[in-house]
Amino acid sequence: MRNSLKYILSITPVAFLIVFLAVVIRVYGIDALSGPSQLVLIVSTSIAVLIAMLYFHKTWKTLEAEINHAVGSIGSPIVILLLIGLLSGTWMVSGVVPMLIYYGMQIINPHVFLITSCLISAIVSVMTGSSWTTVATIGVALMGIGKALGFSDGWTAGAILSGAYFGDKMSPLSDTTVLASSLCGTPLFTHIRYMTITTVPAFTLSLIIFLVAGFLVPSTGGIDTSAFTTALSSKFNLSLWLLLVPIATGVMIYKKMPAIIVLFASSLIAIVFAIIFQPHILAEVSGIATAGASPSALVLFKGAMESSFGSTSIDSGFAPVNDLLATRGMAGMLNTVWIILCAICFGGVLKASGMLANIVSLVIPFTKTRVGLVASTVFSGIFFNATAADQFLSIMVNASMFGEIYKKEGYEPRLLSRSIEDSSTVTSVLIPWSTCGMTQSTVLNVPTLTYLPYCFFNILAPVTSIAIAAIGYKIYRRPNSKTHPQV
C-alpha cells in the first residue's frame, strides 16, 4: 500500500500541473504563456515541495540546492535565447529576411504551389527560428493565395505548417531547439546536425507528397503576389549583397564555432549591413524625425539599439507585411526565459525529492531496447503535448525523465535531444487544445482536425525517429560505454 501511495503522490504534482494548465489555456488561450502558465508552474512546484517535505522527508535545503543547481545549468541557454531575440531583430531591419521572402515569392507557380509554400515556410522559419511568426505572416499570405487557386484549406495549411515546423526544429534561432539541446547537454549545432538524419527523410517525403498533390489537386485562377512583393521592395533595399549575412553565419556554423559567438557575430554583421543598406529603416525604428535628411550617427545608433533589444514596427503600407516586419528583439524572449526558469524549479523539486525517479521507474520496462527507449521518448513527448498542452513543458519533462536512462544505457545525449524534438516540437501543432494548435488554427482560420491529415512532416518525423532507431544508423554511444547495442 505504501509503495502504491509513493507512486500516486509522485504523480500528483504532474497531474495537478496538467489539469491546471488545461484550465488556464481554456481561459487565456494564446496568452497563456504570458504569465498564467508560469504561475501554474510555481503553484505546482509548491505542491511538489509540500509532498517532498511531508511524505518523502526532504529538507528545504536539499530541494533548494537542486533548484540552484538546475537554474545554474541553464545560464548559457538563457544567453543564447536572448541572442536569438537580438538576431531576429537585426536580421529583419537589415533587410536579410525581407530579401529572402521577396525572392522566394517570385518562384510561386500553380502546379508547385503546395511544395513552394512548404519550402518558403521552411526558409522563413529557419531564418527567424519561429514557426508562430512564419505562420502568422507569410503563412497567412499563402493561405490567401491557396484560396484563390482553389486548394482546400487543409492542403494549404498542411504545407505551411510542415515547412514552418521543419524550420522551428532545425533553426539555431529556435527556442525549442535551444531548449532541447541545452537540457540534454548536447551542443546546439551537434544537435542540429544529428537531427538531419531523421528530419531530412521526413521532410523529403513530405515535399514529394506536396509536389505530386500540386499536379493532382484541382486548382483555378492565377497568383497575384504583387502587393506583398511591392511592399517589401518599396520599403527595403533588397540587394543580393545581403546574402553575405546568412552566408557568413553558415560559414561560422560550418566551422563549429560556439553558438553564442555565432549568434552575436551574425547580429553585429547584420547591424553593419542595416547601416549600409537600410539607414531609413533604422531612422524609422529610432522614432527620431530626420525631415528627409540623411540619418545622423545618433539616429542610426538608436535605431540599431531599438531593433536589437525591443519591439519594432515598420510601416510598409501593407498590413500583412507590417505583421511580418514586426520584431520583439531580446525583450521578446523574456516570456520564454520566464517559463523555463519556472519549469526548471518544478523539475528540480521533482528530482531532489525522488518523485521524478518514481515516475521514470514506471516506464523503465519499455526502455530495455534501443527501439523501445526511443519509442518511449517519442510517445512520451506526444503524451505530454496532449496533456500538458505545451511543447516547452513537454520538452522539459521528457529531458528530465529520460536523461538518466539514456546515460545508464550508454547513449550519447544527442540521441535523447533528437528524439525529444522529433516528438515534442513537431506534434504540438497537431493537438487542438494545445497552445500551438490553438494559435495556428486561429491564425490560419483552419480547424486543427482539418489540417492535421495534411501535416505530413509533423506526422512522419516521429515515425522516422523510431525507424532510424530500429535500423541503428549512426546511433552513438558514450566513450567507455560497456553497454552493447540492442534493437
Protein backbone atom coordinates (compact mmCIF):
# COMPACT_ATOMS: atom_id res chain seq x y z
CA MET A 1 0.00 0.00 0.00
CA ARG A 2 2.78 2.38 0.90
CA ASN A 3 4.54 1.56 -2.38
CA SER A 4 1.37 2.44 -4.32
CA LEU A 5 0.98 5.67 -2.35
CA LYS A 6 4.54 6.58 -3.27
CA TYR A 7 3.70 6.49 -6.97
CA ILE A 8 0.38 8.25 -6.52
CA LEU A 9 1.98 11.12 -4.61
CA SER A 10 4.83 11.34 -7.15
CA ILE A 11 2.37 11.76 -9.98
CA THR A 12 0.14 14.22 -8.08
CA PRO A 13 2.15 17.42 -8.88
CA VAL A 14 2.30 16.47 -12.57
CA ALA A 15 -1.43 15.66 -12.62
CA PHE A 16 -2.21 18.98 -10.94
CA LEU A 17 0.01 20.77 -13.46
CA ILE A 18 -1.79 19.15 -16.39
CA VAL A 19 -5.30 19.90 -15.09
CA PHE A 20 -4.46 23.47 -14.03
CA LEU A 21 -2.79 24.17 -17.39
CA ALA A 22 -5.85 22.90 -19.24
CA VAL A 23 -8.00 25.40 -17.33
CA VAL A 24 -5.54 28.24 -17.90
CA ILE A 25 -5.28 27.56 -21.62
CA ARG A 26 -9.05 27.33 -21.87
CA VAL A 27 -9.37 30.74 -20.20
CA TYR A 28 -6.38 32.61 -21.65
CA GLY A 29 -5.84 30.88 -24.99
CA ILE A 30 -2.68 32.01 -26.76
CA ASP A 31 -1.90 34.44 -23.92
CA ALA A 32 -1.31 31.52 -21.53
CA LEU A 33 2.47 31.83 -21.98
CA SER A 34 2.47 35.48 -20.92
CA GLY A 35 2.21 34.70 -17.22
CA PRO A 36 -0.61 32.27 -16.42
CA SER A 37 1.38 29.14 -17.34
CA GLN A 38 4.33 30.39 -15.32
CA LEU A 39 2.09 30.87 -12.28
CA VAL A 40 0.72 27.33 -12.74
CA LEU A 41 4.27 26.01 -12.65
CA ILE A 42 5.08 27.91 -9.44
CA VAL A 43 1.90 26.62 -7.74
CA SER A 44 2.68 23.09 -8.94
CA THR A 45 6.18 23.47 -7.56
CA SER A 46 4.80 24.45 -4.17
CA ILE A 47 2.61 21.35 -4.14
CA ALA A 48 5.65 19.23 -5.02
CA VAL A 49 7.60 20.89 -2.18
CA LEU A 50 4.87 20.08 0.34
CA ILE A 51 4.73 16.43 -0.72
CA ALA A 52 8.54 16.20 -0.74
CA MET A 53 8.84 17.59 2.78
CA LEU A 54 5.81 15.91 4.42
CA TYR A 55 5.92 12.46 2.82
CA PHE A 56 9.41 11.97 1.38
CA HIS A 57 11.03 13.77 4.36
CA LYS A 58 13.24 16.03 2.26
CA THR A 59 14.51 19.24 3.81
CA TRP A 60 14.03 22.61 2.13
CA LYS A 61 17.80 22.98 1.99
CA THR A 62 18.04 19.81 -0.13
CA LEU A 63 15.31 20.98 -2.50
CA GLU A 64 16.76 24.48 -2.74
CA ALA A 65 20.21 23.12 -3.56
CA GLU A 66 18.83 21.15 -6.51
CA ILE A 67 16.86 24.17 -7.73
CA ASN A 68 20.01 26.31 -7.60
CA HIS A 69 21.96 23.64 -9.45
CA ALA A 70 19.25 23.30 -12.11
CA VAL A 71 18.93 27.05 -12.63
CA GLY A 72 22.72 27.39 -12.84
CA SER A 73 22.84 24.78 -15.59
CA ILE A 74 20.74 26.89 -17.95
CA GLY A 75 22.86 30.03 -17.84
CA SER A 76 24.25 29.59 -21.35
CA PRO A 77 20.89 28.60 -22.89
CA ILE A 78 19.30 31.75 -21.50
CA VAL A 79 22.05 33.87 -23.03
CA ILE A 80 21.52 32.05 -26.34
CA LEU A 81 17.78 32.73 -26.20
CA LEU A 82 18.41 36.44 -25.64
CA LEU A 83 20.88 36.49 -28.53
CA ILE A 84 18.25 34.82 -30.71
CA GLY A 85 16.00 37.79 -30.00
CA LEU A 86 18.88 40.09 -30.89
CA LEU A 87 19.50 38.26 -34.16
CA SER A 88 15.83 38.19 -35.19
CA GLY A 89 15.60 41.96 -34.81
CA THR A 90 18.84 42.79 -36.62
CA TRP A 91 18.21 40.38 -39.48
CA MET A 92 14.83 41.98 -40.06
CA VAL A 93 15.89 45.64 -40.08
CA SER A 94 18.96 44.84 -42.18
CA GLY A 95 16.67 43.51 -44.92
CA VAL A 96 18.02 39.94 -44.84
CA VAL A 97 14.71 38.26 -44.01
CA PRO A 98 12.63 40.53 -46.30
CA MET A 99 15.05 39.87 -49.16
CA LEU A 100 14.78 36.10 -48.74
CA ILE A 101 10.99 36.27 -48.62
CA TYR A 102 10.84 38.58 -51.64
CA TYR A 103 12.83 36.31 -53.92
CA GLY A 104 11.12 33.24 -52.55
CA MET A 105 7.74 34.64 -53.58
CA GLN A 106 8.95 35.07 -57.17
CA ILE A 107 9.06 31.34 -57.86
CA ILE A 108 5.43 30.51 -56.98
CA ASN A 109 3.61 28.61 -59.75
CA PRO A 110 0.15 26.96 -59.53
CA HIS A 111 1.40 23.41 -60.05
CA VAL A 112 4.17 23.79 -57.50
CA PHE A 113 2.21 25.98 -55.11
CA LEU A 114 1.99 23.41 -52.30
CA ILE A 115 5.65 22.41 -52.39
CA THR A 116 6.66 26.06 -52.79
CA SER A 117 4.52 27.05 -49.80
CA CYS A 118 6.22 24.36 -47.76
CA LEU A 119 9.69 25.44 -48.86
CA ILE A 120 9.08 29.17 -48.34
CA SER A 121 7.65 28.50 -44.88
CA ALA A 122 10.67 26.34 -44.08
CA ILE A 123 13.13 29.01 -45.23
CA VAL A 124 11.40 31.80 -43.30
CA SER A 125 11.13 29.61 -40.21
CA VAL A 126 14.80 28.66 -40.35
CA MET A 127 15.75 32.30 -40.78
CA THR A 128 13.52 33.58 -37.98
CA GLY A 129 13.57 30.49 -35.72
CA SER A 130 9.84 30.87 -35.12
CA SER A 131 7.02 28.78 -36.55
CA TRP A 132 4.50 31.16 -34.98
CA THR A 133 5.95 34.21 -36.74
CA THR A 134 6.16 32.30 -40.01
CA VAL A 135 2.56 31.13 -39.87
CA ALA A 136 1.20 34.48 -38.71
CA THR A 137 2.90 36.37 -41.54
CA ILE A 138 3.90 34.55 -44.71
CA GLY A 139 1.55 31.70 -43.79
CA VAL A 140 -1.48 33.98 -43.82
CA ALA A 141 -0.44 35.35 -47.22
CA LEU A 142 -0.01 31.83 -48.60
CA MET A 143 -3.44 30.82 -47.27
CA GLY A 144 -4.96 33.64 -49.29
CA ILE A 145 -3.10 32.54 -52.40
CA GLY A 146 -4.22 28.95 -51.86
CA LYS A 147 -7.85 30.00 -51.63
CA ALA A 148 -7.53 31.97 -54.86
CA LEU A 149 -6.11 28.91 -56.59
CA GLY A 150 -8.86 26.64 -55.34
CA PHE A 151 -6.78 24.50 -52.99
CA SER A 152 -8.56 23.21 -49.91
CA ASP A 153 -7.68 24.87 -46.62
CA GLY A 154 -6.38 21.55 -45.27
CA TRP A 155 -3.82 21.10 -48.04
CA THR A 156 -2.55 24.68 -47.90
CA ALA A 157 -2.35 24.81 -44.11
CA GLY A 158 -0.65 21.40 -44.03
CA ALA A 159 2.05 22.58 -46.43
CA ILE A 160 2.62 25.79 -44.47
CA LEU A 161 2.80 24.06 -41.08
CA SER A 162 5.04 21.27 -42.37
CA GLY A 163 7.56 23.84 -43.54
CA ALA A 164 7.18 26.08 -40.51
CA TYR A 165 7.82 23.28 -38.03
CA PHE A 166 10.72 21.94 -40.07
CA GLY A 167 12.33 25.35 -39.60
CA ASP A 168 11.30 25.53 -35.94
CA LYS A 169 13.03 22.19 -35.41
CA MET A 170 16.18 22.86 -37.41
CA SER A 171 16.90 26.54 -36.86
CA PRO A 172 19.65 27.53 -34.41
CA LEU A 173 17.42 30.54 -33.67
CA SER A 174 14.53 28.40 -32.42
CA ASP A 175 13.83 28.46 -28.69
CA THR A 176 12.65 24.83 -28.74
CA THR A 177 15.84 23.74 -30.49
CA VAL A 178 18.00 25.59 -27.99
CA LEU A 179 15.94 24.28 -25.08
CA ALA A 180 16.06 20.61 -26.14
CA SER A 181 19.79 20.65 -26.84
CA SER A 182 20.70 22.51 -23.65
CA LEU A 183 18.55 20.43 -21.29
CA CYS A 184 20.05 17.23 -22.69
CA GLY A 185 23.62 18.54 -22.64
CA THR A 186 24.07 18.42 -26.42
CA PRO A 187 25.99 21.25 -28.17
CA LEU A 188 23.50 23.22 -30.27
CA PHE A 189 24.99 22.63 -33.71
CA THR A 190 25.79 18.98 -32.89
CA HIS A 191 22.11 18.61 -32.05
CA ILE A 192 21.01 20.23 -35.33
CA ARG A 193 23.36 18.15 -37.47
CA TYR A 194 22.24 14.96 -35.77
CA MET A 195 18.59 15.83 -36.36
CA THR A 196 19.15 15.86 -40.11
CA ILE A 197 19.35 12.05 -40.03
CA THR A 198 15.65 11.81 -39.15
CA THR A 199 14.41 15.21 -40.29
CA VAL A 200 15.67 15.21 -43.89
CA PRO A 201 13.96 11.90 -44.84
CA ALA A 202 10.67 13.03 -43.25
CA PHE A 203 10.82 16.45 -44.91
CA THR A 204 11.83 14.99 -48.29
CA LEU A 205 8.88 12.59 -48.25
CA SER A 206 6.60 15.48 -47.35
CA LEU A 207 7.90 17.59 -50.24
CA ILE A 208 7.34 14.71 -52.66
CA ILE A 209 3.75 14.37 -51.47
CA PHE A 210 3.12 18.11 -51.87
CA LEU A 211 4.75 18.10 -55.32
CA VAL A 212 2.57 15.24 -56.56
CA ALA A 213 -0.53 16.76 -54.96
CA GLY A 214 0.12 20.04 -56.75
CA PHE A 215 -0.49 18.32 -60.06
CA LEU A 216 -3.40 16.18 -58.88
CA VAL A 217 -5.41 18.55 -56.68
CA PRO A 218 -7.65 20.77 -58.84
CA SER A 219 -6.81 24.47 -58.82
CA THR A 220 -8.08 27.55 -60.61
CA GLY A 221 -7.16 31.20 -61.02
CA GLY A 222 -3.86 32.99 -61.08
CA ILE A 223 -1.44 34.14 -58.47
CA ASP A 224 -1.06 37.77 -57.53
CA THR A 225 1.65 38.40 -55.00
CA SER A 226 2.40 41.86 -56.31
CA ALA A 227 1.01 43.67 -53.26
CA PHE A 228 3.25 41.62 -50.98
CA THR A 229 6.42 41.87 -53.05
CA THR A 230 5.86 45.51 -53.94
CA ALA A 231 5.53 46.45 -50.29
CA LEU A 232 8.82 44.70 -49.49
CA SER A 233 10.77 46.09 -52.46
CA SER A 234 9.49 49.64 -51.93
CA LYS A 235 10.40 49.60 -48.26
CA PHE A 236 13.78 47.86 -48.32
CA ASN A 237 16.88 47.97 -50.49
CA LEU A 238 16.77 44.27 -51.40
CA SER A 239 20.32 43.87 -52.62
CA LEU A 240 21.76 40.41 -53.16
CA TRP A 241 24.75 41.64 -51.14
CA LEU A 242 22.57 40.96 -48.13
CA LEU A 243 23.11 37.25 -48.78
CA LEU A 244 26.56 37.73 -47.28
CA VAL A 245 24.98 37.83 -43.82
CA PRO A 246 23.45 34.32 -43.90
CA ILE A 247 26.48 33.04 -45.82
CA ALA A 248 28.84 34.33 -43.13
CA THR A 249 26.61 32.77 -40.49
CA GLY A 250 26.65 29.47 -42.36
CA VAL A 251 30.45 29.54 -42.54
CA MET A 252 30.70 30.10 -38.79
CA ILE A 253 28.30 27.22 -38.16
CA TYR A 254 30.32 25.01 -40.53
CA LYS A 255 33.48 25.91 -38.61
CA LYS A 256 31.68 24.64 -35.47
CA MET A 257 32.10 27.91 -33.64
CA PRO A 258 30.20 28.18 -30.32
CA ALA A 259 26.55 29.16 -30.73
CA ILE A 260 26.88 32.28 -28.57
CA ILE A 261 29.74 33.58 -30.72
CA VAL A 262 27.91 32.77 -33.96
CA LEU A 263 24.69 34.47 -32.90
CA PHE A 264 26.39 37.59 -31.57
CA ALA A 265 28.79 37.92 -34.52
CA SER A 266 25.98 37.42 -37.03
CA SER A 267 23.93 40.10 -35.27
CA LEU A 268 26.83 42.57 -35.44
CA ILE A 269 27.29 41.87 -39.15
CA ALA A 270 23.57 42.40 -39.72
CA ILE A 271 23.71 45.75 -37.91
CA VAL A 272 26.56 46.88 -40.18
CA PHE A 273 24.53 45.88 -43.24
CA ALA A 274 21.49 47.67 -41.83
CA ILE A 275 23.51 50.88 -41.54
CA ILE A 276 24.78 50.48 -45.11
CA PHE A 277 21.62 49.32 -46.89
CA GLN A 278 18.68 50.32 -44.68
CA PRO A 279 19.52 53.61 -42.87
CA HIS A 280 15.95 54.81 -43.50
CA ILE A 281 14.60 51.74 -41.66
CA LEU A 282 16.85 52.42 -38.67
CA ALA A 283 15.67 56.03 -38.68
CA GLU A 284 12.04 54.89 -38.66
CA VAL A 285 12.68 52.46 -35.82
CA SER A 286 14.51 55.12 -33.81
CA GLY A 287 11.44 57.34 -33.81
CA ILE A 288 13.60 60.43 -34.41
CA ALA A 289 12.39 62.57 -37.30
CA THR A 290 15.03 63.23 -39.94
CA ALA A 291 12.95 65.51 -42.25
CA GLY A 292 14.30 63.85 -45.39
CA ALA A 293 17.92 64.34 -44.43
CA SER A 294 20.38 61.51 -44.11
CA PRO A 295 20.12 59.93 -40.65
CA SER A 296 22.77 61.08 -38.23
CA ALA A 297 25.05 58.72 -36.35
CA LEU A 298 22.90 59.20 -33.25
CA VAL A 299 19.74 58.22 -35.14
CA LEU A 300 21.39 55.13 -36.59
CA PHE A 301 22.73 54.17 -33.18
CA LYS A 302 19.31 54.44 -31.55
CA GLY A 303 17.64 52.54 -34.41
CA ALA A 304 20.16 49.70 -34.12
CA MET A 305 19.72 49.58 -30.35
CA GLU A 306 15.91 49.61 -30.50
CA SER A 307 15.77 46.81 -33.08
CA SER A 308 18.20 44.74 -31.00
CA PHE A 309 16.54 44.78 -27.59
CA GLY A 310 12.98 45.99 -28.07
CA SER A 311 9.81 45.72 -30.10
CA THR A 312 9.87 47.35 -33.51
CA SER A 313 7.24 48.06 -36.13
CA ILE A 314 7.85 49.15 -39.70
CA ASP A 315 5.10 50.64 -41.87
CA SER A 316 5.24 49.26 -45.39
CA GLY A 317 1.76 50.41 -46.34
CA PHE A 318 0.50 46.80 -46.46
CA ALA A 319 -0.84 45.27 -43.24
CA PRO A 320 0.28 41.63 -43.79
CA VAL A 321 3.83 42.81 -44.50
CA ASN A 322 3.74 45.05 -41.43
CA ASP A 323 2.97 41.98 -39.31
CA LEU A 324 5.92 40.18 -40.86
CA LEU A 325 8.31 43.06 -40.25
CA ALA A 326 7.38 43.43 -36.58
CA THR A 327 10.06 42.08 -34.23
CA ARG A 328 10.45 41.92 -30.46
CA GLY A 329 14.22 41.79 -30.04
CA MET A 330 15.79 40.45 -26.87
CA ALA A 331 12.79 41.51 -24.80
CA GLY A 332 10.61 39.20 -26.86
CA MET A 333 12.41 36.19 -25.39
CA LEU A 334 11.66 37.07 -21.77
CA ASN A 335 8.42 35.07 -21.57
CA THR A 336 10.30 32.02 -22.78
CA VAL A 337 13.07 32.61 -20.23
CA TRP A 338 10.39 33.10 -17.59
CA ILE A 339 8.64 29.80 -18.25
CA ILE A 340 11.96 27.95 -18.45
CA LEU A 341 13.00 29.23 -15.03
CA CYS A 342 9.66 28.22 -13.53
CA ALA A 343 9.77 24.79 -15.16
CA ILE A 344 13.34 24.26 -14.01
CA CYS A 345 12.24 24.90 -10.41
CA PHE A 346 9.42 22.38 -10.82
CA GLY A 347 11.75 19.77 -12.29
CA GLY A 348 14.40 20.44 -9.65
CA VAL A 349 11.98 19.67 -6.82
CA LEU A 350 10.73 16.52 -8.53
CA LYS A 351 14.30 15.34 -8.98
CA ALA A 352 15.57 16.18 -5.48
CA SER A 353 12.57 14.59 -3.81
CA GLY A 354 12.86 11.34 -5.75
CA MET A 355 9.43 11.79 -7.32
CA LEU A 356 10.89 12.03 -10.81
CA ALA A 357 12.75 8.74 -10.27
CA ASN A 358 9.49 7.12 -9.19
CA ILE A 359 7.71 8.33 -12.32
CA VAL A 360 10.56 7.20 -14.55
CA SER A 361 10.52 3.75 -12.96
CA LEU A 362 7.04 3.24 -14.40
CA VAL A 363 8.36 3.43 -17.97
CA ILE A 364 11.68 1.62 -17.45
CA PRO A 365 10.27 -1.77 -18.55
CA PHE A 366 9.70 -0.27 -22.01
CA THR A 367 13.25 1.12 -22.36
CA LYS A 368 15.34 -2.05 -22.31
CA THR A 369 15.99 -1.97 -26.05
CA ARG A 370 17.19 0.81 -28.33
CA VAL A 371 13.89 0.95 -30.21
CA GLY A 372 11.89 0.76 -27.01
CA LEU A 373 13.87 3.62 -25.48
CA VAL A 374 13.46 5.94 -28.46
CA ALA A 375 9.82 4.95 -28.95
CA SER A 376 9.11 5.59 -25.26
CA THR A 377 10.67 9.05 -25.59
CA VAL A 378 8.66 9.82 -28.71
CA PHE A 379 5.34 8.64 -27.29
CA SER A 380 6.07 10.46 -24.04
CA GLY A 381 6.61 13.68 -26.00
CA ILE A 382 3.28 13.26 -27.77
CA PHE A 383 1.59 12.35 -24.47
CA PHE A 384 2.81 15.46 -22.68
CA ASN A 385 1.88 17.64 -25.65
CA ALA A 386 -1.65 16.26 -25.33
CA THR A 387 -1.79 16.52 -21.53
CA ALA A 388 0.38 19.48 -20.56
CA ALA A 389 -0.73 21.17 -23.80
CA ASP A 390 2.57 22.99 -24.27
CA GLN A 391 5.68 21.99 -26.21
CA PHE A 392 8.09 23.71 -23.82
CA LEU A 393 6.79 21.71 -20.86
CA SER A 394 6.82 18.53 -22.92
CA ILE A 395 10.49 19.07 -23.80
CA MET A 396 11.45 19.85 -20.21
CA VAL A 397 9.62 16.90 -18.65
CA ASN A 398 10.95 14.47 -21.25
CA ALA A 399 14.54 15.64 -20.78
CA SER A 400 14.21 15.20 -17.02
CA MET A 401 12.53 11.80 -17.26
CA PHE A 402 14.84 10.13 -19.75
CA GLY A 403 18.20 11.83 -19.16
CA GLU A 404 19.49 9.29 -16.65
CA ILE A 405 18.09 6.33 -18.59
CA TYR A 406 19.97 7.27 -21.76
CA LYS A 407 23.11 7.82 -19.71
CA LYS A 408 22.74 4.49 -17.96
CA GLU A 409 22.20 2.69 -21.26
CA GLY A 410 25.37 4.31 -22.62
CA TYR A 411 23.86 6.51 -25.33
CA GLU A 412 25.16 9.96 -26.16
CA PRO A 413 22.77 12.80 -25.19
CA ARG A 414 22.29 13.76 -28.83
CA LEU A 415 20.01 10.72 -29.28
CA LEU A 416 17.77 11.96 -26.46
CA SER A 417 17.66 15.57 -27.67
CA ARG A 418 16.83 14.42 -31.21
CA SER A 419 14.11 12.03 -30.04
CA ILE A 420 12.54 14.80 -27.97
CA GLU A 421 12.48 17.23 -30.89
CA ASP A 422 11.12 14.53 -33.21
CA SER A 423 8.07 14.36 -30.98
CA SER A 424 7.60 17.26 -28.57
CA THR A 425 8.36 20.04 -31.06
CA VAL A 426 6.67 18.81 -34.23
CA THR A 427 3.49 17.23 -32.85
CA SER A 428 2.48 20.17 -30.66
CA VAL A 429 0.57 21.80 -33.51
CA LEU A 430 -1.49 18.65 -34.04
CA ILE A 431 -3.16 18.88 -30.62
CA PRO A 432 -6.33 21.04 -30.90
CA TRP A 433 -6.26 22.20 -27.27
CA SER A 434 -2.51 22.91 -27.05
CA THR A 435 -1.09 26.41 -27.22
CA CYS A 436 0.41 25.69 -30.65
CA GLY A 437 -2.73 24.02 -32.00
CA MET A 438 -5.00 26.82 -30.83
CA THR A 439 -2.66 29.54 -32.08
CA GLN A 440 -2.09 28.15 -35.56
CA SER A 441 -5.71 27.17 -36.17
CA THR A 442 -6.82 30.64 -35.08
CA VAL A 443 -4.23 32.47 -37.18
CA LEU A 444 -4.88 30.40 -40.31
CA ASN A 445 -8.63 30.17 -39.62
CA VAL A 446 -8.48 26.43 -40.23
CA PRO A 447 -9.60 23.89 -37.58
CA THR A 448 -6.79 21.71 -36.26
CA LEU A 449 -8.51 18.48 -37.31
CA THR A 450 -8.93 19.91 -40.83
CA TYR A 451 -5.20 20.49 -41.42
CA LEU A 452 -3.95 17.56 -39.30
CA PRO A 453 -4.12 14.89 -42.09
CA TYR A 454 -2.04 17.13 -44.37
CA CYS A 455 0.76 17.98 -41.92
CA PHE A 456 2.88 15.23 -43.39
CA PHE A 457 6.18 16.34 -41.89
CA ASN A 458 4.71 16.59 -38.39
CA ILE A 459 3.28 13.08 -38.72
CA LEU A 460 6.31 11.50 -40.38
CA ALA A 461 9.01 12.91 -38.08
CA PRO A 462 8.13 10.72 -35.04
CA VAL A 463 7.78 7.67 -37.29
CA THR A 464 11.15 8.34 -38.92
CA SER A 465 12.76 8.76 -35.49
CA ILE A 466 11.66 5.29 -34.40
CA ALA A 467 12.54 3.78 -37.79
CA ILE A 468 16.10 5.13 -37.69
CA ALA A 469 16.47 3.74 -34.17
CA ALA A 470 15.32 0.33 -35.41
CA ILE A 471 17.89 0.43 -38.22
CA GLY A 472 20.57 1.58 -35.80
CA TYR A 473 22.02 4.13 -38.23
CA LYS A 474 24.56 6.40 -36.52
CA ILE A 475 23.40 5.61 -33.02
CA TYR A 476 26.36 6.78 -30.96
CA ARG A 477 27.39 5.62 -27.52
CA ARG A 478 29.29 7.43 -24.82
CA PRO A 479 33.06 6.86 -24.66
CA ASN A 480 33.98 3.86 -22.48
CA SER A 481 30.38 2.64 -22.51
CA LYS A 482 30.30 -1.09 -21.93
CA THR A 483 26.67 -1.47 -22.87
CA HIS A 484 26.16 -3.39 -26.09
CA PRO A 485 23.67 -2.07 -28.63
CA GLN A 486 20.31 -3.78 -28.69
CA VAL A 487 17.45 -3.47 -31.13
